[in-house]
Amino acid sequence: MRATDVNKLQEAKKTGKPLLGMSLNTCNPDLSELLGYSGVEFLFVDNEHTYYTWETLANVMRGCELSGIFPMLRIDKQYPGYPSNIRKAFEIGAGMVLLPQINTKEEAIAAVRAAKFGPEYESGKYPADQNRGAHGDTRAGKFWTIDPPESPTGEFYRLENQKRMVAIQLETKQAFENAEDIMSVKGIDDVHLGLYDLSFSLGYPGLGAKTPGVPELLEKYNSSRKKFPGKFVESKSIDWKEVLKNPESAKSKIKQGIKEGAYLFNIGSERAILREVVRQCKKIMDDAYNEVKNENSCSVD
């Protein structure tokens, strides 16, 4: 999403008209384009647990722009005082950047300072990046065609501050204990939870929400969240298998989600969908083969 484009997520938040989205783990540019033409309106691109280059990610962003998708990009966390990956993510065209493993208010401030311009984002114990925020001579600024260097208007920087969104992820006990302070940081637009990683930090790998102590942390988190109602992106999941098998039931659940204030609905990841479809096709094919084999055996007898 470039600075001159409409931020679909912000518009959905204002109007309540929901957006359909999914996750993209393979970072294939053609797939990001195809999904947009098929009706996907936002895409969560994960490059924390994948291994793609900035060039590949830039082409994924191009695919999103061509087909009308709002792209969200999760990136690796670097040393908190110098989160230059955030700046790069916006420069290649991300509309929202999600930064995992944010544990303190100072780290949240550092994340915002890497993304935003202006004195209101200056405070914090960590120094800002040498070139804070996206540079105008990049894809984000259409290579200085939005606001060329000789222009005194600062239009590019104003638009970037307005359109760019910063999301963070709480994934440790320390992060949950500091949740209210983290949420208070100006410039944080959304907070995600990483309960799977939280279970690791508590010494119960893989238990997620069932981990001892997590219900109490979630209660504290929800209490803090109520103090910052405008800071969160309200989303729900869609069970794509239910959509295929029982569309009326799926529609009823989506309607309930809309009534509860959700404006993003996520189908899931392309890997999970493809994996399930292939498994089901393989099972049906094997069942068909065994039935034919048994029929042939019976006819011989």
Protein backbone atom coordinates (compact mmCIF):
# COMPACT_ATOMS: atom_id res chain seq x y z
CA MET A 1 0.00 0.00 0.00
CA ARG A 2 1.54 3.28 -1.10
CA ALA A 3 0.93 6.58 0.63
CA THR A 4 -1.45 7.83 -2.08
CA ASP A 5 -3.62 4.68 -2.02
CA VAL A 6 -6.72 4.30 0.11
CA ASN A 7 -6.05 2.40 3.31
CA LYS A 8 -8.80 -0.21 3.05
CA LEU A 9 -8.41 -1.29 6.64
CA GLN A 10 -8.93 2.23 7.97
CA GLU A 11 -11.96 2.65 5.71
CA ALA A 12 -13.45 -0.63 6.92
CA LYS A 13 -12.96 0.47 10.50
CA LYS A 14 -14.92 3.67 9.80
CA THR A 15 -17.75 2.14 7.79
CA GLY A 16 -18.04 -1.31 9.35
CA LYS A 17 -18.17 -2.91 5.90
CA PRO A 18 -16.13 -6.11 6.32
CA LEU A 19 -13.06 -7.15 4.34
CA LEU A 20 -12.17 -10.70 3.37
CA GLY A 21 -8.59 -11.81 3.87
CA MET A 22 -6.19 -14.64 4.39
CA SER A 23 -2.58 -15.39 5.25
CA LEU A 24 0.19 -15.86 2.70
CA ASN A 25 3.20 -17.89 3.84
CA THR A 26 4.72 -18.82 0.49
CA CYS A 27 5.27 -15.17 -0.54
CA ASN A 28 4.54 -15.90 -4.19
CA PRO A 29 3.88 -12.65 -6.12
CA ASP A 30 1.61 -14.33 -8.67
CA LEU A 31 -0.46 -15.85 -5.88
CA SER A 32 -0.88 -12.50 -4.13
CA GLU A 33 -2.16 -11.06 -7.42
CA LEU A 34 -4.46 -14.03 -8.12
CA LEU A 35 -5.99 -13.85 -4.64
CA GLY A 36 -6.83 -10.19 -5.09
CA TYR A 37 -8.55 -10.79 -8.41
CA SER A 38 -10.48 -13.63 -6.73
CA GLY A 39 -11.88 -11.36 -4.01
CA VAL A 40 -9.30 -11.27 -1.20
CA GLU A 41 -9.13 -7.72 0.19
CA PHE A 42 -6.37 -7.95 2.77
CA LEU A 43 -3.41 -10.28 3.00
CA PHE A 44 -1.31 -11.16 6.03
CA VAL A 45 2.17 -11.88 4.66
CA ASP A 46 4.42 -13.69 7.12
CA ASN A 47 8.16 -13.20 6.83
CA GLU A 48 9.00 -13.95 10.45
CA HIS A 49 8.88 -17.71 9.99
CA THR A 50 9.82 -17.71 6.33
CA TYR A 51 12.99 -16.85 4.44
CA TYR A 52 12.15 -14.51 1.59
CA THR A 53 14.26 -11.59 0.39
CA TRP A 54 13.19 -7.96 0.31
CA GLU A 55 13.08 -8.16 -3.48
CA THR A 56 10.59 -11.06 -3.36
CA LEU A 57 8.50 -9.27 -0.74
CA ALA A 58 8.47 -6.10 -2.86
CA ASN A 59 7.03 -8.14 -5.74
CA VAL A 60 4.37 -9.56 -3.41
CA MET A 61 3.46 -5.96 -2.52
CA ARG A 62 3.23 -5.17 -6.25
CA GLY A 63 0.87 -8.11 -6.71
CA CYS A 64 -1.27 -6.76 -3.88
CA GLU A 65 -1.38 -3.27 -5.37
CA LEU A 66 -2.30 -4.55 -8.84
CA SER A 67 -5.21 -6.62 -7.54
CA GLY A 68 -6.46 -4.24 -4.85
CA ILE A 69 -5.24 -6.00 -1.69
CA PHE A 70 -4.27 -4.22 1.53
CA PRO A 71 -0.97 -5.90 2.53
CA MET A 72 0.05 -6.57 6.13
CA LEU A 73 3.62 -7.75 6.61
CA ARG A 74 5.06 -9.51 9.67
CA ILE A 75 8.83 -9.16 9.93
CA ASP A 76 11.61 -10.21 12.27
CA LYS A 77 12.31 -8.17 15.35
CA GLN A 78 15.78 -6.66 15.43
CA TYR A 79 17.58 -4.97 18.30
CA PRO A 80 14.80 -2.74 19.65
CA GLY A 81 16.67 0.54 19.28
CA TYR A 82 17.34 0.05 15.59
CA PRO A 83 14.32 -1.67 14.02
CA SER A 84 15.28 -0.77 10.45
CA ASN A 85 13.29 -3.71 9.07
CA ILE A 86 10.16 -1.69 9.84
CA ARG A 87 11.33 1.16 7.63
CA LYS A 88 12.20 -1.23 4.80
CA ALA A 89 8.82 -2.94 5.06
CA PHE A 90 7.01 0.35 4.52
CA GLU A 91 9.39 1.39 1.75
CA ILE A 92 8.53 -1.69 -0.32
CA GLY A 93 4.81 -1.00 0.06
CA ALA A 94 3.41 -2.62 3.22
CA GLY A 95 0.24 -0.99 4.56
CA MET A 96 0.65 -2.42 8.06
CA VAL A 97 3.75 -3.89 9.65
CA LEU A 98 3.48 -6.41 12.48
CA LEU A 99 6.48 -6.68 14.78
CA PRO A 100 6.68 -9.79 17.01
CA GLN A 101 8.15 -10.15 20.50
CA ILE A 102 7.51 -6.63 21.81
CA ASN A 103 7.98 -6.81 25.56
CA THR A 104 8.23 -3.25 26.90
CA LYS A 105 6.89 0.24 26.36
CA GLU A 106 10.36 1.36 25.23
CA GLU A 107 10.43 -1.28 22.50
CA ALA A 108 6.96 -0.22 21.33
CA ILE A 109 8.14 3.41 21.14
CA ALA A 110 11.19 2.35 19.15
CA ALA A 111 8.94 0.49 16.69
CA VAL A 112 6.77 3.56 16.14
CA ARG A 113 9.79 5.84 15.77
CA ALA A 114 11.08 3.65 12.97
CA ALA A 115 7.75 4.05 11.18
CA LYS A 116 6.61 7.61 11.84
CA PHE A 117 7.82 11.16 11.32
CA GLY A 118 7.45 14.11 13.68
CA PRO A 119 8.47 15.31 17.14
CA GLU A 120 5.54 13.56 18.84
CA TYR A 121 7.34 10.26 18.25
CA GLU A 122 10.74 11.36 19.57
CA SER A 123 10.65 10.21 23.19
CA GLY A 124 12.13 6.94 24.42
CA LYS A 125 15.42 5.58 25.68
CA TYR A 126 16.50 4.10 22.33
CA PRO A 127 17.95 6.29 19.56
CA ALA A 128 16.01 6.52 16.31
CA ASP A 129 17.25 4.97 13.10
CA GLN A 130 19.64 7.14 11.15
CA ASN A 131 16.94 7.54 8.51
CA ARG A 132 13.74 7.29 10.49
CA GLY A 133 10.55 6.40 8.63
CA ALA A 134 10.22 5.47 4.97
CA HIS A 135 12.33 7.40 2.49
CA GLY A 136 10.54 9.27 -0.29
CA ASP A 137 12.76 7.94 -3.06
CA THR A 138 11.34 4.41 -2.74
CA ARG A 139 8.25 2.52 -3.86
CA ALA A 140 6.37 4.05 -0.92
CA GLY A 141 6.87 7.55 -2.34
CA LYS A 142 6.65 6.47 -5.97
CA PHE A 143 10.35 7.36 -6.23
CA TRP A 144 9.97 11.02 -5.29
CA THR A 145 7.01 11.59 -7.62
CA ILE A 146 4.62 12.13 -4.70
CA ASP A 147 6.74 14.82 -3.11
CA PRO A 148 10.05 15.50 -4.90
CA PRO A 149 13.05 16.76 -2.89
CA GLU A 150 12.64 20.33 -4.12
CA SER A 151 9.03 20.47 -2.92
CA PRO A 152 8.52 22.16 0.48
CA THR A 153 5.09 20.68 1.13
CA GLY A 154 6.07 17.49 2.96
CA GLU A 155 3.01 15.80 1.47
CA PHE A 156 4.66 12.38 1.30
CA TYR A 157 5.53 12.42 4.99
CA ARG A 158 2.07 13.61 5.98
CA LEU A 159 0.43 10.85 3.95
CA GLU A 160 2.81 8.22 5.27
CA ASN A 161 2.06 9.14 8.89
CA GLN A 162 -1.65 9.03 8.12
CA LYS A 163 -1.78 5.79 6.12
CA ARG A 164 0.96 3.67 7.66
CA MET A 165 -0.13 1.34 10.48
CA VAL A 166 2.00 -0.31 13.15
CA ALA A 167 0.95 -3.54 14.87
CA ILE A 168 2.84 -5.39 17.58
CA GLN A 169 2.69 -8.86 19.08
CA LEU A 170 2.72 -9.79 22.78
CA GLU A 171 4.25 -13.24 23.24
CA THR A 172 5.92 -13.40 26.65
CA LYS A 173 4.90 -13.10 30.30
CA GLN A 174 6.86 -9.83 30.46
CA ALA A 175 4.88 -8.44 27.52
CA PHE A 176 1.52 -9.30 29.13
CA GLU A 177 2.61 -7.74 32.41
CA ASN A 178 3.51 -4.54 30.51
CA ALA A 179 0.45 -4.68 28.24
CA GLU A 180 -1.22 -1.49 29.45
CA ASP A 181 1.97 0.57 29.14
CA ILE A 182 2.60 -0.85 25.67
CA MET A 183 -0.95 -0.09 24.51
CA SER A 184 -0.60 3.51 25.67
CA VAL A 185 2.14 4.27 23.12
CA LYS A 186 1.06 6.80 20.51
CA GLY A 187 1.23 5.29 17.02
CA ILE A 188 0.46 1.65 17.90
CA ASP A 189 -2.59 0.71 15.81
CA ASP A 190 -3.15 -2.91 16.77
CA VAL A 191 -1.99 -5.51 19.27
CA HIS A 192 -1.80 -9.24 18.45
CA LEU A 193 -1.36 -12.12 20.88
CA GLY A 194 1.09 -14.98 20.47
CA LEU A 195 -0.25 -17.57 22.92
CA TYR A 196 1.80 -20.40 21.42
CA ASP A 197 5.07 -18.57 22.09
CA LEU A 198 3.71 -17.43 25.46
CA SER A 199 3.37 -21.08 26.48
CA PHE A 200 7.07 -21.55 25.69
CA SER A 201 8.04 -18.58 27.86
CA LEU A 202 6.04 -20.08 30.74
CA GLY A 203 7.70 -23.47 30.41
CA TYR A 204 4.83 -25.36 28.74
CA PRO A 205 5.80 -25.63 25.05
CA GLY A 206 2.90 -25.93 22.65
CA LEU A 207 -0.01 -25.70 25.11
CA GLY A 208 -1.08 -22.23 24.01
CA ALA A 209 -4.22 -20.96 25.78
CA LYS A 210 -4.32 -24.12 27.94
CA THR A 211 -1.04 -23.20 29.63
CA PRO A 212 -1.25 -22.73 33.41
CA GLY A 213 -1.26 -19.01 34.19
CA VAL A 214 -2.44 -17.89 30.74
CA PRO A 215 -6.11 -17.32 31.71
CA GLU A 216 -4.98 -14.85 34.39
CA LEU A 217 -2.70 -13.05 31.93
CA LEU A 218 -5.51 -12.87 29.37
CA GLU A 219 -7.84 -11.44 31.99
CA LYS A 220 -5.32 -8.71 32.74
CA TYR A 221 -4.81 -8.11 29.01
CA ASN A 222 -8.55 -7.78 28.35
CA SER A 223 -8.89 -5.37 31.25
CA SER A 224 -6.12 -3.19 29.80
CA ARG A 225 -7.59 -3.43 26.30
CA LYS A 226 -10.88 -1.88 27.44
CA LYS A 227 -8.98 1.33 28.21
CA PHE A 228 -7.89 1.68 24.56
CA PRO A 229 -10.98 0.71 22.52
CA GLY A 230 -9.96 2.51 19.33
CA LYS A 231 -6.55 0.91 19.01
CA PHE A 232 -7.55 -2.57 17.91
CA VAL A 233 -8.35 -4.16 14.58
CA GLU A 234 -11.43 -6.31 15.15
CA SER A 235 -11.23 -9.59 13.25
CA LYS A 236 -12.84 -13.03 13.12
CA SER A 237 -12.00 -16.31 11.41
CA ILE A 238 -14.04 -17.95 8.68
CA ASP A 239 -14.13 -21.76 8.54
CA TRP A 240 -13.73 -22.26 4.80
CA LYS A 241 -14.72 -25.93 5.10
CA GLU A 242 -18.01 -24.90 6.69
CA VAL A 243 -18.53 -22.37 3.88
CA LEU A 244 -18.35 -25.23 1.37
CA LYS A 245 -20.41 -27.74 3.35
CA ASN A 246 -22.96 -25.51 5.08
CA PRO A 247 -22.94 -21.97 3.65
CA GLU A 248 -26.01 -20.82 5.60
CA SER A 249 -24.40 -21.77 8.91
CA ALA A 250 -21.20 -19.98 7.90
CA LYS A 251 -23.19 -16.89 6.89
CA SER A 252 -24.97 -16.86 10.24
CA LYS A 253 -21.65 -16.85 12.10
CA ILE A 254 -20.29 -14.07 9.89
CA LYS A 255 -23.41 -11.98 10.55
CA GLN A 256 -22.90 -12.47 14.29
CA GLY A 257 -19.27 -11.38 13.93
CA ILE A 258 -20.33 -8.22 12.11
CA LYS A 259 -22.84 -7.42 14.86
CA GLU A 260 -20.03 -7.82 17.39
CA GLY A 261 -17.98 -5.20 15.54
CA ALA A 262 -15.63 -7.33 13.42
CA TYR A 263 -14.68 -5.84 10.07
CA LEU A 264 -11.93 -8.26 9.02
CA PHE A 265 -12.68 -11.92 8.29
CA ASN A 266 -9.75 -14.28 7.74
CA ILE A 267 -10.06 -17.55 5.80
CA GLY A 268 -6.70 -18.92 7.00
CA SER A 269 -3.40 -19.61 5.29
CA GLU A 270 -2.92 -20.86 1.75
CA ARG A 271 -0.67 -23.62 3.08
CA ALA A 272 -3.35 -24.95 5.44
CA ILE A 273 -6.05 -24.82 2.77
CA LEU A 274 -3.90 -26.52 0.14
CA ARG A 275 -2.72 -29.15 2.63
CA GLU A 276 -6.28 -30.03 3.63
CA VAL A 277 -7.56 -30.16 0.04
CA VAL A 278 -4.71 -32.43 -1.06
CA ARG A 279 -5.18 -34.74 1.94
CA GLN A 280 -8.90 -35.08 1.26
CA CYS A 281 -8.33 -35.72 -2.46
CA LYS A 282 -5.70 -38.35 -1.64
CA LYS A 283 -8.01 -40.05 0.88
CA ILE A 284 -10.91 -40.18 -1.59
CA MET A 285 -8.64 -41.51 -4.33
CA ASP A 286 -7.23 -44.23 -2.04
CA ASP A 287 -10.73 -45.17 -0.89
CA ALA A 288 -11.89 -45.40 -4.50
CA TYR A 289 -8.93 -47.59 -5.41
CA ASN A 290 -9.54 -49.96 -2.48
CA GLU A 291 -13.24 -50.22 -3.34
CA VAL A 292 -12.49 -51.01 -7.00
CA LYS A 293 -9.89 -53.56 -5.89
CA ASN A 294 -12.37 -55.23 -3.59
CA GLU A 295 -15.06 -55.22 -6.29
CA ASN A 296 -12.66 -56.87 -8.74
CA SER A 297 -11.68 -59.43 -6.12
CA CYS A 298 -15.31 -60.28 -5.45
CA SER A 299 -16.10 -60.61 -9.17
CA VAL A 300 -13.22 -63.09 -9.62
CA ASP A 301 -14.45 -65.18 -6.71
